[in-house]
Structures are given as structure tokens and as C-alpha cells.
Amino acid sequence: MRLSVAMCTYNGARYLREQLASLAAQTRLPDELVVCDDCSSDETRSLLEEFKARAAFPVRLYFNEQNLRSSKNFEKAIRLCEGELIALCDQDDVWLPEKLERTEATFAASPDVGLVFTDLEVVDENLRPLGYRAWQSFWVDFGEREQWLFEQGKALDVLLTRNVVTGTAMAFRVQYRELVLPLPEFDQHLIHDYWIAMLIAAVARLAYIKTPLVKYRAHTGQVAGLVGPDYIAEGLNGRKFWVPNHRIELLLERFLEKNGSRYRAAAVGLKARIRHQQVCDQLPDQKMARRVLEVLRELFAGRYHLCAPPESNGWRDAAIDLLPYKFRSER
């Protein structure tokens, strides 16, 4: 299989050299590296041109005439890739030598897998380990329960509570490019990697590699970052409906544009989630009879079980919604 690496850069000279060196040290070299630079004003361009001149594989460089910002720059890079597999690459991390080899092998072993991702070792600016991995971090928390759900084909159930797939750790089959592109205008909690993972999870299997194959550099200049497992989020009492309706509606809109039974099935599931969230958001606090009726209707329609996050279940969530407001945890 031809394997493309799509890299986006922007004023990345401080760390770029180490990332490029890690690409050159792969046990399975990419068939091409596609780089889209987003109007860098530092030495990024010269570093890329130097690397292209000595790389053992084709390097295609594109320098934007105007700033596209991260997600739209990745959209451009993904569209320009010619491989059957597309691996995303950030400018400030370091890949372990076997990353591409193991990723390709996972795809080859399972033709029904649409996306593969790995764990990452979180390091500081100087590549010193910070003592935890990405899957152990507060916002990701990709433990045994979530991994089991992925193996059962329920990756979307996990992803609709939080993102567990980091862009620089992922690769996907090119056949899903027309599904994930164009990338919509995102808010700060929904960026390109999350969008790609959720869309592909709705129509294909996602596979994971437990070994951390990326040194993920945590620093102040990141577009998005990770925090350790001991982090405490103020005012957060639960993760149910981590993805609000307006984001689910973006996914639904994309599936409604496509033809095919897989897309129709995905759309049905997303519509059910949107309805369930709307009902739960509008449960009356004072009219208990109506509240009980609405909860029971959702329960017996199966939507509580459909929408329950991995750390909960439908019966528990229905019971919580039956309680008076002052006894319920904040959703």
C-alpha cells in the first residue's frame, strides 16, 4: 500500500528538525511527504527545502499565499496526498522508528479497519517524559472499558463522549477522504482529528495500537494540548453528552449528503442521539408526572442505552433523570 504523510507547518522551526529526522528514520519510509506551510515567517521554509533535497523519499512542498489556519491547512494537505493510506503529522512531535511500519501492518491485517491510531508518550519541550501517556490524560482517558468498546465496533459511542484519537497518532484509508472533507469551521473543542475519527467510526472499524509510537511534545505554542491524569476541571461533574447537539448535527448533515446504507444507518443513530439530548435538556423540574413519562418513553425506546457514556449505563442515567433537580448531578 502506498502511504502518504500529510504534515502542516507554521513557524515551527524550533522543533521541526527533530520531527523531520524522525520521519527519515522510519523503518517503513513514507511513499511521499506532503507539507503545507501556512505562511511561516521563521526558518521553517528553509528547513523544509533542505530536508527535501536530501530525503530518501519524495517530498512535496506547498507554501500558502494566505494563512488558512490549522484545520483548513490540514484539509489542503490531505487532499493533495496520493497514497492509499494517509498519516497526519504535526510539526513539533517525534515519531518512533516503527510508527509507520506498525500502522501499515494493522491496516493490512484488517481490511475492514478505516482508521488506526496509537498511544503517545507525553514529553516536555526538551523531550523529557512527563510521566504519563496520552491515553492516561484527563481529557482522553482511553482505558480498558473504552478499548473493549472499540473492539466491539462501538468506537463512536466513546467518541461521542470525548476525543481519544490524536491527529499525529492517526492514519486513515484514502477511501474515506471524500467523507471527511471538506472540514467544517470548528470551535475550540472540535478540530480536524476529532471530526475525522467520528465520521470514520460511524461507517468503519477503528483500530488502536497500545504502544506509544509518538513523543508528544507539550508546550505553550500548541493549538491543542493534553493535561495529566491528576488534572481537575472546575465545575465538571460528568461527561454525559460531552459532544453537544450542534456538533452532532454537523456529523448528521455530512451523512445525509452521502448515499449508501452505512451512511443512512449512521444518520439514524445520530438523529436518535439528538432527540434524546433535546428531551433530556427540556425535562421539567416541577411537573414530575410529565418528567416521569418523558424519561420512561426515552428508556423504553432504547435511547438511554444508546446514548449512555462508557462510564455509565442507560438504567443509571434514567434513574438520575427521575430524581428532583436538587438531587441530580449536573449533566
C-alpha atoms as a PDB file:
ATOM      1  CA  MET A   1       0.000   0.000   0.000  1.00  0.00           C
ATOM      2  CA  ARG A   2       1.221   3.481  -0.809  1.00  0.00           C
ATOM      3  CA  LEU A   3       1.460   5.553   2.327  1.00  0.00           C
ATOM      4  CA  SER A   4       1.374   9.347   2.382  1.00  0.00           C
ATOM      5  CA  VAL A   5       2.285  11.572   5.306  1.00  0.00           C
ATOM      6  CA  ALA A   6       0.401  14.874   5.462  1.00  0.00           C
ATOM      7  CA  MET A   7       2.250  17.499   7.503  1.00  0.00           C
ATOM      8  CA  CYS A   8       1.205  21.061   8.287  1.00  0.00           C
ATOM      9  CA  THR A   9       3.677  23.678   9.436  1.00  0.00           C
ATOM     10  CA  TYR A  10       3.506  27.205  10.788  1.00  0.00           C
ATOM     11  CA  ASN A  11       6.507  28.937  12.372  1.00  0.00           C
ATOM     12  CA  GLY A  12       7.709  25.525  13.519  1.00  0.00           C
ATOM     13  CA  ALA A  13      11.459  25.923  13.116  1.00  0.00           C
ATOM     14  CA  ARG A  14      12.145  25.368  16.826  1.00  0.00           C
ATOM     15  CA  TYR A  15      11.074  21.705  16.746  1.00  0.00           C
ATOM     16  CA  LEU A  16      10.687  20.862  13.059  1.00  0.00           C
ATOM     17  CA  ARG A  17      14.180  19.495  12.508  1.00  0.00           C
ATOM     18  CA  GLU A  18      13.638  16.711  15.067  1.00  0.00           C
ATOM     19  CA  GLN A  19      10.294  15.730  13.581  1.00  0.00           C
ATOM     20  CA  LEU A  20      11.693  15.568  10.067  1.00  0.00           C
ATOM     21  CA  ALA A  21      14.608  13.462  11.322  1.00  0.00           C
ATOM     22  CA  SER A  22      12.151  11.025  12.890  1.00  0.00           C
ATOM     23  CA  LEU A  23      10.364  10.663   9.542  1.00  0.00           C
ATOM     24  CA  ALA A  24      13.669   9.923   7.826  1.00  0.00           C
ATOM     25  CA  ALA A  25      14.432   7.276  10.487  1.00  0.00           C
ATOM     26  CA  GLN A  26      11.232   5.259   9.952  1.00  0.00           C
ATOM     27  CA  THR A  27      11.703   1.523   9.402  1.00  0.00           C
ATOM     28  CA  ARG A  28       8.985   1.862   6.781  1.00  0.00           C
ATOM     29  CA  LEU A  29       9.630   5.092   4.915  1.00  0.00           C
ATOM     30  CA  PRO A  30       6.634   7.038   3.605  1.00  0.00           C
ATOM     31  CA  ASP A  31       5.992   6.905  -0.125  1.00  0.00           C
ATOM     32  CA  GLU A  32       5.615  10.661  -0.017  1.00  0.00           C
ATOM     33  CA  LEU A  33       5.626  13.538   2.433  1.00  0.00           C
ATOM     34  CA  VAL A  34       3.173  16.316   1.609  1.00  0.00           C
ATOM     35  CA  VAL A  35       3.850  19.536   3.541  1.00  0.00           C
ATOM     36  CA  CYS A  36       1.612  22.586   3.530  1.00  0.00           C
ATOM     37  CA  ASP A  37       3.211  25.587   5.198  1.00  0.00           C
ATOM     38  CA  ASP A  38       0.822  28.257   6.419  1.00  0.00           C
ATOM     39  CA  CYS A  39       2.818  31.449   5.736  1.00  0.00           C
ATOM     40  CA  SER A  40       5.642  30.855   8.216  1.00  0.00           C
ATOM     41  CA  SER A  41       7.865  33.841   8.935  1.00  0.00           C
ATOM     42  CA  ASP A  42      10.712  31.934  10.621  1.00  0.00           C
ATOM     43  CA  GLU A  43      13.176  29.370   9.201  1.00  0.00           C
ATOM     44  CA  THR A  44      10.527  26.721   8.581  1.00  0.00           C
ATOM     45  CA  ARG A  45      10.614  27.090   4.796  1.00  0.00           C
ATOM     46  CA  SER A  46      14.383  26.751   4.524  1.00  0.00           C
ATOM     47  CA  LEU A  47      14.376  23.711   6.825  1.00  0.00           C
ATOM     48  CA  LEU A  48      11.753  22.047   4.639  1.00  0.00           C
ATOM     49  CA  GLU A  49      13.659  22.779   1.440  1.00  0.00           C
ATOM     50  CA  GLU A  50      16.875  21.427   2.936  1.00  0.00           C
ATOM     51  CA  PHE A  51      15.097  18.256   4.012  1.00  0.00           C
ATOM     52  CA  LYS A  52      13.522  17.783   0.587  1.00  0.00           C
ATOM     53  CA  ALA A  53      16.948  17.974  -1.064  1.00  0.00           C
ATOM     54  CA  ARG A  54      18.335  15.051   0.986  1.00  0.00           C
ATOM     55  CA  ALA A  55      15.268  12.917   1.802  1.00  0.00           C
ATOM     56  CA  ALA A  56      15.206   9.292   0.644  1.00  0.00           C
ATOM     57  CA  PHE A  57      11.541   9.633  -0.400  1.00  0.00           C
ATOM     58  CA  PRO A  58       9.551  12.204  -2.402  1.00  0.00           C
ATOM     59  CA  VAL A  59       8.776  15.436  -0.546  1.00  0.00           C
ATOM     60  CA  ARG A  60       6.172  17.786  -1.995  1.00  0.00           C
ATOM     61  CA  LEU A  61       6.149  21.282  -0.524  1.00  0.00           C
ATOM     62  CA  TYR A  62       3.319  23.790  -0.776  1.00  0.00           C
ATOM     63  CA  PHE A  63       3.595  27.306   0.610  1.00  0.00           C
ATOM     64  CA  ASN A  64       0.264  29.022   1.164  1.00  0.00           C
ATOM     65  CA  GLU A  65      -0.176  32.530  -0.160  1.00  0.00           C
ATOM     66  CA  GLN A  66      -2.522  33.365   2.707  1.00  0.00           C
ATOM     67  CA  ASN A  67      -2.944  31.915   6.183  1.00  0.00           C
ATOM     68  CA  LEU A  68      -5.503  29.073   6.226  1.00  0.00           C
ATOM     69  CA  ARG A  69      -5.128  28.156   9.912  1.00  0.00           C
ATOM     70  CA  SER A  70      -4.673  24.629  11.208  1.00  0.00           C
ATOM     71  CA  SER A  71      -7.768  22.703  10.115  1.00  0.00           C
ATOM     72  CA  LYS A  72      -8.058  24.161   6.617  1.00  0.00           C
ATOM     73  CA  ASN A  73      -4.336  23.702   6.120  1.00  0.00           C
ATOM     74  CA  PHE A  74      -4.722  20.015   7.011  1.00  0.00           C
ATOM     75  CA  GLU A  75      -7.641  19.814   4.600  1.00  0.00           C
ATOM     76  CA  LYS A  76      -5.380  21.054   1.828  1.00  0.00           C
ATOM     77  CA  ALA A  77      -2.589  18.625   2.741  1.00  0.00           C
ATOM     78  CA  ILE A  78      -4.972  15.652   2.950  1.00  0.00           C
ATOM     79  CA  ARG A  79      -6.471  16.496  -0.448  1.00  0.00           C
ATOM     80  CA  LEU A  80      -3.021  16.599  -2.046  1.00  0.00           C
ATOM     81  CA  CYS A  81      -1.974  13.127  -0.816  1.00  0.00           C
ATOM     82  CA  GLU A  82      -1.738  10.356  -3.417  1.00  0.00           C
ATOM     83  CA  GLY A  83      -1.364   7.311  -1.157  1.00  0.00           C
ATOM     84  CA  GLU A  84      -3.893   4.655  -0.167  1.00  0.00           C
ATOM     85  CA  LEU A  85      -3.150   5.430   3.481  1.00  0.00           C
ATOM     86  CA  ILE A  86      -2.851   8.971   4.840  1.00  0.00           C
ATOM     87  CA  ALA A  87      -0.997   9.590   8.106  1.00  0.00           C
ATOM     88  CA  LEU A  88      -1.314  13.014   9.720  1.00  0.00           C
ATOM     89  CA  CYS A  89       1.793  14.641  11.134  1.00  0.00           C
ATOM     90  CA  ASP A  90       2.326  17.675  13.364  1.00  0.00           C
ATOM     91  CA  GLN A  91       5.469  19.776  13.210  1.00  0.00           C
ATOM     92  CA  ASP A  92       6.511  19.590  16.861  1.00  0.00           C
ATOM     93  CA  ASP A  93       6.468  15.905  17.835  1.00  0.00           C
ATOM     94  CA  VAL A  94       8.837  12.987  17.285  1.00  0.00           C
ATOM     95  CA  TRP A  95       7.770   9.655  15.782  1.00  0.00           C
ATOM     96  CA  LEU A  96       9.311   6.423  16.998  1.00  0.00           C
ATOM     97  CA  PRO A  97      11.025   4.492  14.157  1.00  0.00           C
ATOM     98  CA  GLU A  98       8.386   1.743  13.840  1.00  0.00           C
ATOM     99  CA  LYS A  99       5.322   4.014  13.781  1.00  0.00           C
ATOM    100  CA  LEU A 100       4.544   3.781  10.068  1.00  0.00           C
ATOM    101  CA  GLU A 101       5.505   0.104   9.819  1.00  0.00           C
ATOM    102  CA  ARG A 102       3.169  -0.939  12.626  1.00  0.00           C
ATOM    103  CA  THR A 103       0.390   1.307  11.380  1.00  0.00           C
ATOM    104  CA  GLU A 104       0.521  -0.182   7.888  1.00  0.00           C
ATOM    105  CA  ALA A 105       0.639  -3.715   9.311  1.00  0.00           C
ATOM    106  CA  THR A 106      -2.533  -3.048  11.307  1.00  0.00           C
ATOM    107  CA  PHE A 107      -4.367  -1.927   8.183  1.00  0.00           C
ATOM    108  CA  ALA A 108      -3.069  -4.918   6.209  1.00  0.00           C
ATOM    109  CA  ALA A 109      -4.274  -7.357   8.878  1.00  0.00           C
ATOM    110  CA  SER A 110      -7.824  -5.943   8.933  1.00  0.00           C
ATOM    111  CA  PRO A 111      -9.313  -4.752   5.626  1.00  0.00           C
ATOM    112  CA  ASP A 112     -12.433  -3.525   7.464  1.00  0.00           C
ATOM    113  CA  VAL A 113     -10.418  -1.056   9.556  1.00  0.00           C
ATOM    114  CA  GLY A 114     -10.793   2.507   8.313  1.00  0.00           C
ATOM    115  CA  LEU A 115      -8.554   4.318  10.796  1.00  0.00           C
ATOM    116  CA  VAL A 116      -5.618   3.326  13.024  1.00  0.00           C
ATOM    117  CA  PHE A 117      -4.218   5.324  15.928  1.00  0.00           C
ATOM    118  CA  THR A 118      -1.627   4.816  18.645  1.00  0.00           C
ATOM    119  CA  ASP A 119      -0.943   5.943  22.168  1.00  0.00           C
ATOM    120  CA  LEU A 120       1.581   8.752  22.711  1.00  0.00           C
ATOM    121  CA  GLU A 121       4.205   9.422  25.352  1.00  0.00           C
ATOM    122  CA  VAL A 122       3.782  12.974  26.653  1.00  0.00           C
ATOM    123  CA  VAL A 123       7.089  14.836  26.917  1.00  0.00           C
ATOM    124  CA  ASP A 124       8.209  18.380  27.653  1.00  0.00           C
ATOM    125  CA  GLU A 125       9.791  20.838  25.252  1.00  0.00           C
ATOM    126  CA  ASN A 126      13.128  19.019  25.551  1.00  0.00           C
ATOM    127  CA  LEU A 127      11.606  15.562  25.009  1.00  0.00           C
ATOM    128  CA  ARG A 128      11.826  14.615  28.682  1.00  0.00           C
ATOM    129  CA  PRO A 129       8.950  12.280  29.704  1.00  0.00           C
ATOM    130  CA  LEU A 130       6.274  13.893  31.886  1.00  0.00           C
ATOM    131  CA  GLY A 131       5.294  10.578  33.451  1.00  0.00           C
ATOM    132  CA  TYR A 132       2.070   9.798  31.626  1.00  0.00           C
ATOM    133  CA  ARG A 133       0.725   8.798  28.226  1.00  0.00           C
ATOM    134  CA  ALA A 134      -1.955  10.474  26.159  1.00  0.00           C
ATOM    135  CA  TRP A 135      -4.491   7.750  26.887  1.00  0.00           C
ATOM    136  CA  GLN A 136      -3.996   8.337  30.625  1.00  0.00           C
ATOM    137  CA  SER A 137      -4.579  12.077  30.363  1.00  0.00           C
ATOM    138  CA  PHE A 138      -7.670  13.671  31.901  1.00  0.00           C
ATOM    139  CA  TRP A 139      -9.487  14.570  28.707  1.00  0.00           C
ATOM    140  CA  VAL A 140      -8.672  11.355  26.802  1.00  0.00           C
ATOM    141  CA  ASP A 141      -8.929   8.625  29.471  1.00  0.00           C
ATOM    142  CA  PHE A 142      -8.860   5.737  26.978  1.00  0.00           C
ATOM    143  CA  GLY A 143      -8.858   2.796  29.384  1.00  0.00           C
ATOM    144  CA  GLU A 144      -9.762  -0.891  29.224  1.00  0.00           C
ATOM    145  CA  ARG A 145     -13.515  -0.265  29.087  1.00  0.00           C
ATOM    146  CA  GLU A 146     -13.205   2.142  26.146  1.00  0.00           C
ATOM    147  CA  GLN A 147     -10.762  -0.180  24.363  1.00  0.00           C
ATOM    148  CA  TRP A 148     -13.222  -3.064  24.734  1.00  0.00           C
ATOM    149  CA  LEU A 149     -15.960  -0.929  23.189  1.00  0.00           C
ATOM    150  CA  PHE A 150     -13.694  -0.164  20.231  1.00  0.00           C
ATOM    151  CA  GLU A 151     -13.126  -3.888  19.742  1.00  0.00           C
ATOM    152  CA  GLN A 152     -16.901  -4.424  19.755  1.00  0.00           C
ATOM    153  CA  GLY A 153     -17.324  -1.905  16.948  1.00  0.00           C
ATOM    154  CA  LYS A 154     -18.675   0.809  19.258  1.00  0.00           C
ATOM    155  CA  ALA A 155     -15.958   3.399  18.781  1.00  0.00           C
ATOM    156  CA  LEU A 156     -18.478   6.135  18.042  1.00  0.00           C
ATOM    157  CA  ASP A 157     -20.109   5.579  21.453  1.00  0.00           C
ATOM    158  CA  VAL A 158     -16.793   6.503  23.056  1.00  0.00           C
ATOM    159  CA  LEU A 159     -16.045   9.362  20.691  1.00  0.00           C
ATOM    160  CA  LEU A 160     -19.389  10.982  21.369  1.00  0.00           C
ATOM    161  CA  THR A 161     -18.230  11.498  24.955  1.00  0.00           C
ATOM    162  CA  ARG A 162     -14.687  12.741  24.254  1.00  0.00           C
ATOM    163  CA  ASN A 163     -11.910  12.510  21.686  1.00  0.00           C
ATOM    164  CA  VAL A 164      -9.423   9.680  22.204  1.00  0.00           C
ATOM    165  CA  VAL A 165      -7.725   9.959  18.797  1.00  0.00           C
ATOM    166  CA  THR A 166      -4.839  12.420  18.480  1.00  0.00           C
ATOM    167  CA  GLY A 167      -4.089  13.691  14.982  1.00  0.00           C
ATOM    168  CA  THR A 168      -0.378  12.964  14.877  1.00  0.00           C
ATOM    169  CA  ALA A 169      -1.085   9.373  16.017  1.00  0.00           C
ATOM    170  CA  MET A 170      -3.686   8.591  13.327  1.00  0.00           C
ATOM    171  CA  ALA A 171      -3.782   7.288   9.779  1.00  0.00           C
ATOM    172  CA  PHE A 172      -6.823   6.501   7.653  1.00  0.00           C
ATOM    173  CA  ARG A 173      -7.705   4.926   4.318  1.00  0.00           C
ATOM    174  CA  VAL A 174      -7.990   7.299   1.393  1.00  0.00           C
ATOM    175  CA  GLN A 175     -11.438   5.909   0.528  1.00  0.00           C
ATOM    176  CA  TYR A 176     -12.814   7.968   3.439  1.00  0.00           C
ATOM    177  CA  ARG A 177     -11.286  11.237   2.264  1.00  0.00           C
ATOM    178  CA  GLU A 178     -14.425  12.356   0.463  1.00  0.00           C
ATOM    179  CA  LEU A 179     -16.422  11.637   3.610  1.00  0.00           C
ATOM    180  CA  VAL A 180     -14.293  13.762   5.937  1.00  0.00           C
ATOM    181  CA  LEU A 181     -13.581  16.604   3.504  1.00  0.00           C
ATOM    182  CA  PRO A 182     -14.276  19.449   3.380  1.00  0.00           C
ATOM    183  CA  LEU A 183     -13.545  20.148   7.025  1.00  0.00           C
ATOM    184  CA  PRO A 184     -16.168  22.475   8.542  1.00  0.00           C
ATOM    185  CA  GLU A 185     -15.435  25.559  10.593  1.00  0.00           C
ATOM    186  CA  PHE A 186     -14.674  24.158  14.023  1.00  0.00           C
ATOM    187  CA  ASP A 187     -14.888  25.530  17.547  1.00  0.00           C
ATOM    188  CA  GLN A 188     -12.051  25.077  20.050  1.00  0.00           C
ATOM    189  CA  HIS A 189     -13.333  21.664  21.187  1.00  0.00           C
ATOM    190  CA  LEU A 190     -13.839  20.108  17.754  1.00  0.00           C
ATOM    191  CA  ILE A 191     -10.807  20.098  15.490  1.00  0.00           C
ATOM    192  CA  HIS A 192      -9.820  18.073  12.447  1.00  0.00           C
ATOM    193  CA  ASP A 193      -8.639  14.892  14.198  1.00  0.00           C
ATOM    194  CA  TYR A 194     -11.824  14.557  16.244  1.00  0.00           C
ATOM    195  CA  TRP A 195     -14.015  15.197  13.204  1.00  0.00           C
ATOM    196  CA  ILE A 196     -12.183  12.620  11.083  1.00  0.00           C
ATOM    197  CA  ALA A 197     -12.290   9.978  13.825  1.00  0.00           C
ATOM    198  CA  MET A 198     -16.027  10.398  14.487  1.00  0.00           C
ATOM    199  CA  LEU A 199     -17.030  10.273  10.833  1.00  0.00           C
ATOM    200  CA  ILE A 200     -14.973   7.182  10.043  1.00  0.00           C
ATOM    201  CA  ALA A 201     -16.060   5.489  13.296  1.00  0.00           C
ATOM    202  CA  ALA A 202     -19.680   5.715  12.156  1.00  0.00           C
ATOM    203  CA  VAL A 203     -19.037   3.668   8.995  1.00  0.00           C
ATOM    204  CA  ALA A 204     -15.903   1.574   9.646  1.00  0.00           C
ATOM    205  CA  ARG A 205     -13.916  -0.055  12.410  1.00  0.00           C
ATOM    206  CA  LEU A 206     -11.221   1.893  14.254  1.00  0.00           C
ATOM    207  CA  ALA A 207      -8.135   0.007  15.433  1.00  0.00           C
ATOM    208  CA  TYR A 208      -5.671   1.095  18.088  1.00  0.00           C
ATOM    209  CA  ILE A 209      -2.059   0.274  18.897  1.00  0.00           C
ATOM    210  CA  LYS A 210      -1.385   0.302  22.631  1.00  0.00           C
ATOM    211  CA  THR A 211       2.321   1.040  22.262  1.00  0.00           C
ATOM    212  CA  PRO A 212       3.068   4.791  22.343  1.00  0.00           C
ATOM    213  CA  LEU A 213       4.687   5.410  18.958  1.00  0.00           C
ATOM    214  CA  VAL A 214       4.890   9.203  19.209  1.00  0.00           C
ATOM    215  CA  LYS A 215       6.692  11.510  21.604  1.00  0.00           C
ATOM    216  CA  TYR A 216       4.001  14.141  22.041  1.00  0.00           C
ATOM    217  CA  ARG A 217       5.615  17.433  22.941  1.00  0.00           C
ATOM    218  CA  ALA A 218       3.593  19.502  25.450  1.00  0.00           C
ATOM    219  CA  HIS A 219       4.412  23.196  25.109  1.00  0.00           C
ATOM    220  CA  THR A 220       2.747  26.599  25.201  1.00  0.00           C
ATOM    221  CA  GLY A 221       2.610  27.073  21.428  1.00  0.00           C
ATOM    222  CA  GLN A 222       0.268  24.159  20.722  1.00  0.00           C
ATOM    223  CA  VAL A 223      -3.098  24.587  19.000  1.00  0.00           C
ATOM    224  CA  ALA A 224      -4.477  21.899  21.355  1.00  0.00           C
ATOM    225  CA  GLY A 225      -2.816  20.051  24.210  1.00  0.00           C
ATOM    226  CA  LEU A 226      -3.135  17.372  26.866  1.00  0.00           C
ATOM    227  CA  VAL A 227      -3.248  17.591  30.651  1.00  0.00           C
ATOM    228  CA  GLY A 228      -2.208  14.935  33.133  1.00  0.00           C
ATOM    229  CA  PRO A 229      -4.471  12.342  34.794  1.00  0.00           C
ATOM    230  CA  ASP A 230      -4.499  14.333  38.064  1.00  0.00           C
ATOM    231  CA  TYR A 231      -5.970  17.440  36.435  1.00  0.00           C
ATOM    232  CA  ILE A 232      -9.273  18.657  37.918  1.00  0.00           C
ATOM    233  CA  ALA A 233     -11.744  20.567  35.744  1.00  0.00           C
ATOM    234  CA  GLU A 234     -13.696  23.185  37.619  1.00  0.00           C
ATOM    235  CA  GLY A 235     -17.457  22.682  37.586  1.00  0.00           C
ATOM    236  CA  LEU A 236     -17.331  19.384  35.690  1.00  0.00           C
ATOM    237  CA  ASN A 237     -19.470  16.703  37.357  1.00  0.00           C
ATOM    238  CA  GLY A 238     -19.843  14.276  34.477  1.00  0.00           C
ATOM    239  CA  ARG A 239     -19.216  13.642  30.815  1.00  0.00           C
ATOM    240  CA  LYS A 240     -22.641  12.704  29.504  1.00  0.00           C
ATOM    241  CA  PHE A 241     -23.340  14.388  26.181  1.00  0.00           C
ATOM    242  CA  TRP A 242     -19.782  15.588  26.006  1.00  0.00           C
ATOM    243  CA  VAL A 243     -20.474  16.394  22.350  1.00  0.00           C
ATOM    244  CA  PRO A 244     -23.355  18.902  22.246  1.00  0.00           C
ATOM    245  CA  ASN A 245     -26.104  18.719  19.654  1.00  0.00           C
ATOM    246  CA  HIS A 246     -24.722  21.405  17.378  1.00  0.00           C
ATOM    247  CA  ARG A 247     -21.628  19.257  16.762  1.00  0.00           C
ATOM    248  CA  ILE A 248     -23.623  16.062  16.282  1.00  0.00           C
ATOM    249  CA  GLU A 249     -25.757  17.965  13.771  1.00  0.00           C
ATOM    250  CA  LEU A 250     -22.618  18.704  11.745  1.00  0.00           C
ATOM    251  CA  LEU A 251     -21.944  14.973  11.525  1.00  0.00           C
ATOM    252  CA  LEU A 252     -25.555  14.250  10.641  1.00  0.00           C
ATOM    253  CA  GLU A 253     -25.521  16.838   7.868  1.00  0.00           C
ATOM    254  CA  ARG A 254     -22.462  15.164   6.328  1.00  0.00           C
ATOM    255  CA  PHE A 255     -24.051  11.693   6.378  1.00  0.00           C
ATOM    256  CA  LEU A 256     -27.276  12.997   4.841  1.00  0.00           C
ATOM    257  CA  GLU A 257     -25.214  14.215   1.877  1.00  0.00           C
ATOM    258  CA  LYS A 258     -23.969  10.677   1.166  1.00  0.00           C
ATOM    259  CA  ASN A 259     -25.602   7.671  -0.493  1.00  0.00           C
ATOM    260  CA  GLY A 260     -25.325   4.179   0.930  1.00  0.00           C
ATOM    261  CA  SER A 261     -26.758   2.005   3.690  1.00  0.00           C
ATOM    262  CA  ARG A 262     -23.850   2.661   6.089  1.00  0.00           C
ATOM    263  CA  TYR A 263     -24.410   6.395   5.903  1.00  0.00           C
ATOM    264  CA  ARG A 264     -28.154   6.040   6.347  1.00  0.00           C
ATOM    265  CA  ALA A 265     -27.657   3.820   9.395  1.00  0.00           C
ATOM    266  CA  ALA A 266     -25.220   6.324  10.884  1.00  0.00           C
ATOM    267  CA  ALA A 267     -27.705   9.142  10.294  1.00  0.00           C
ATOM    268  CA  VAL A 268     -30.477   7.228  12.094  1.00  0.00           C
ATOM    269  CA  GLY A 269     -28.272   6.758  15.151  1.00  0.00           C
ATOM    270  CA  LEU A 270     -27.254  10.413  15.233  1.00  0.00           C
ATOM    271  CA  LYS A 271     -30.867  11.573  14.910  1.00  0.00           C
ATOM    272  CA  ALA A 272     -31.771   9.406  17.913  1.00  0.00           C
ATOM    273  CA  ARG A 273     -28.967  10.971  19.962  1.00  0.00           C
ATOM    274  CA  ILE A 274     -30.033  14.487  19.034  1.00  0.00           C
ATOM    275  CA  ARG A 275     -33.636  13.741  20.001  1.00  0.00           C
ATOM    276  CA  HIS A 276     -32.611  12.165  23.296  1.00  0.00           C
ATOM    277  CA  GLN A 277     -30.438  15.109  24.248  1.00  0.00           C
ATOM    278  CA  GLN A 278     -33.220  17.556  23.386  1.00  0.00           C
ATOM    279  CA  VAL A 279     -35.712  15.639  25.535  1.00  0.00           C
ATOM    280  CA  CYS A 280     -33.321  15.411  28.490  1.00  0.00           C
ATOM    281  CA  ASP A 281     -32.431  19.086  28.256  1.00  0.00           C
ATOM    282  CA  GLN A 282     -36.110  20.025  28.444  1.00  0.00           C
ATOM    283  CA  LEU A 283     -37.256  17.740  31.265  1.00  0.00           C
ATOM    284  CA  PRO A 284     -39.491  19.848  33.563  1.00  0.00           C
ATOM    285  CA  ASP A 285     -38.329  20.195  37.173  1.00  0.00           C
ATOM    286  CA  GLN A 286     -41.719  20.961  38.685  1.00  0.00           C
ATOM    287  CA  LYS A 287     -44.059  18.658  36.732  1.00  0.00           C
ATOM    288  CA  MET A 288     -42.970  15.240  37.968  1.00  0.00           C
ATOM    289  CA  ALA A 289     -45.687  13.259  36.193  1.00  0.00           C
ATOM    290  CA  ARG A 290     -44.617  14.651  32.835  1.00  0.00           C
ATOM    291  CA  ARG A 291     -40.967  14.169  33.754  1.00  0.00           C
ATOM    292  CA  VAL A 292     -41.510  10.500  34.590  1.00  0.00           C
ATOM    293  CA  LEU A 293     -43.469   9.967  31.366  1.00  0.00           C
ATOM    294  CA  GLU A 294     -40.712  11.513  29.208  1.00  0.00           C
ATOM    295  CA  VAL A 295     -37.960   9.524  30.925  1.00  0.00           C
ATOM    296  CA  LEU A 296     -39.848   6.233  30.590  1.00  0.00           C
ATOM    297  CA  ARG A 297     -40.590   6.956  26.938  1.00  0.00           C
ATOM    298  CA  GLU A 298     -36.895   7.520  26.229  1.00  0.00           C
ATOM    299  CA  LEU A 299     -35.925   4.486  28.294  1.00  0.00           C
ATOM    300  CA  PHE A 300     -38.225   2.037  26.534  1.00  0.00           C
ATOM    301  CA  ALA A 301     -37.339   3.488  23.142  1.00  0.00           C
ATOM    302  CA  GLY A 302     -33.765   2.422  23.915  1.00  0.00           C
ATOM    303  CA  ARG A 303     -32.298   5.877  23.640  1.00  0.00           C
ATOM    304  CA  TYR A 304     -30.942   5.980  27.190  1.00  0.00           C
ATOM    305  CA  HIS A 305     -28.907   2.864  26.458  1.00  0.00           C
ATOM    306  CA  LEU A 306     -27.882   4.143  23.040  1.00  0.00           C
ATOM    307  CA  CYS A 307     -26.589   7.421  24.450  1.00  0.00           C
ATOM    308  CA  ALA A 308     -25.065   6.234  27.734  1.00  0.00           C
ATOM    309  CA  PRO A 309     -21.357   7.121  28.001  1.00  0.00           C
ATOM    310  CA  PRO A 310     -18.846   4.290  28.588  1.00  0.00           C
ATOM    311  CA  GLU A 311     -18.560   5.010  32.322  1.00  0.00           C
ATOM    312  CA  SER A 312     -22.328   4.823  32.809  1.00  0.00           C
ATOM    313  CA  ASN A 313     -25.379   2.881  31.572  1.00  0.00           C
ATOM    314  CA  GLY A 314     -28.881   3.658  30.424  1.00  0.00           C
ATOM    315  CA  TRP A 315     -30.634   2.492  33.598  1.00  0.00           C
ATOM    316  CA  ARG A 316     -28.422   4.660  35.800  1.00  0.00           C
ATOM    317  CA  ASP A 317     -28.904   7.751  33.642  1.00  0.00           C
ATOM    318  CA  ALA A 318     -32.682   7.267  33.544  1.00  0.00           C
ATOM    319  CA  ALA A 319     -32.766   6.910  37.336  1.00  0.00           C
ATOM    320  CA  ILE A 320     -30.791  10.128  37.749  1.00  0.00           C
ATOM    321  CA  ASP A 321     -33.213  11.973  35.468  1.00  0.00           C
ATOM    322  CA  LEU A 322     -36.140  10.793  37.552  1.00  0.00           C
ATOM    323  CA  LEU A 323     -34.746  12.475  40.671  1.00  0.00           C
ATOM    324  CA  PRO A 324     -35.793  16.004  41.655  1.00  0.00           C
ATOM    325  CA  TYR A 325     -33.370  18.660  40.462  1.00  0.00           C
ATOM    326  CA  LYS A 326     -31.628  19.244  43.789  1.00  0.00           C
ATOM    327  CA  PHE A 327     -30.567  15.574  43.955  1.00  0.00           C
ATOM    328  CA  ARG A 328     -29.280  15.290  40.416  1.00  0.00           C
ATOM    329  CA  SER A 329     -25.678  15.759  39.381  1.00  0.00           C
ATOM    330  CA  GLU A 330     -25.205  18.429  36.797  1.00  0.00           C
ATOM    331  CA  ARG A 331     -25.324  16.929  33.320  1.00  0.00           C
END
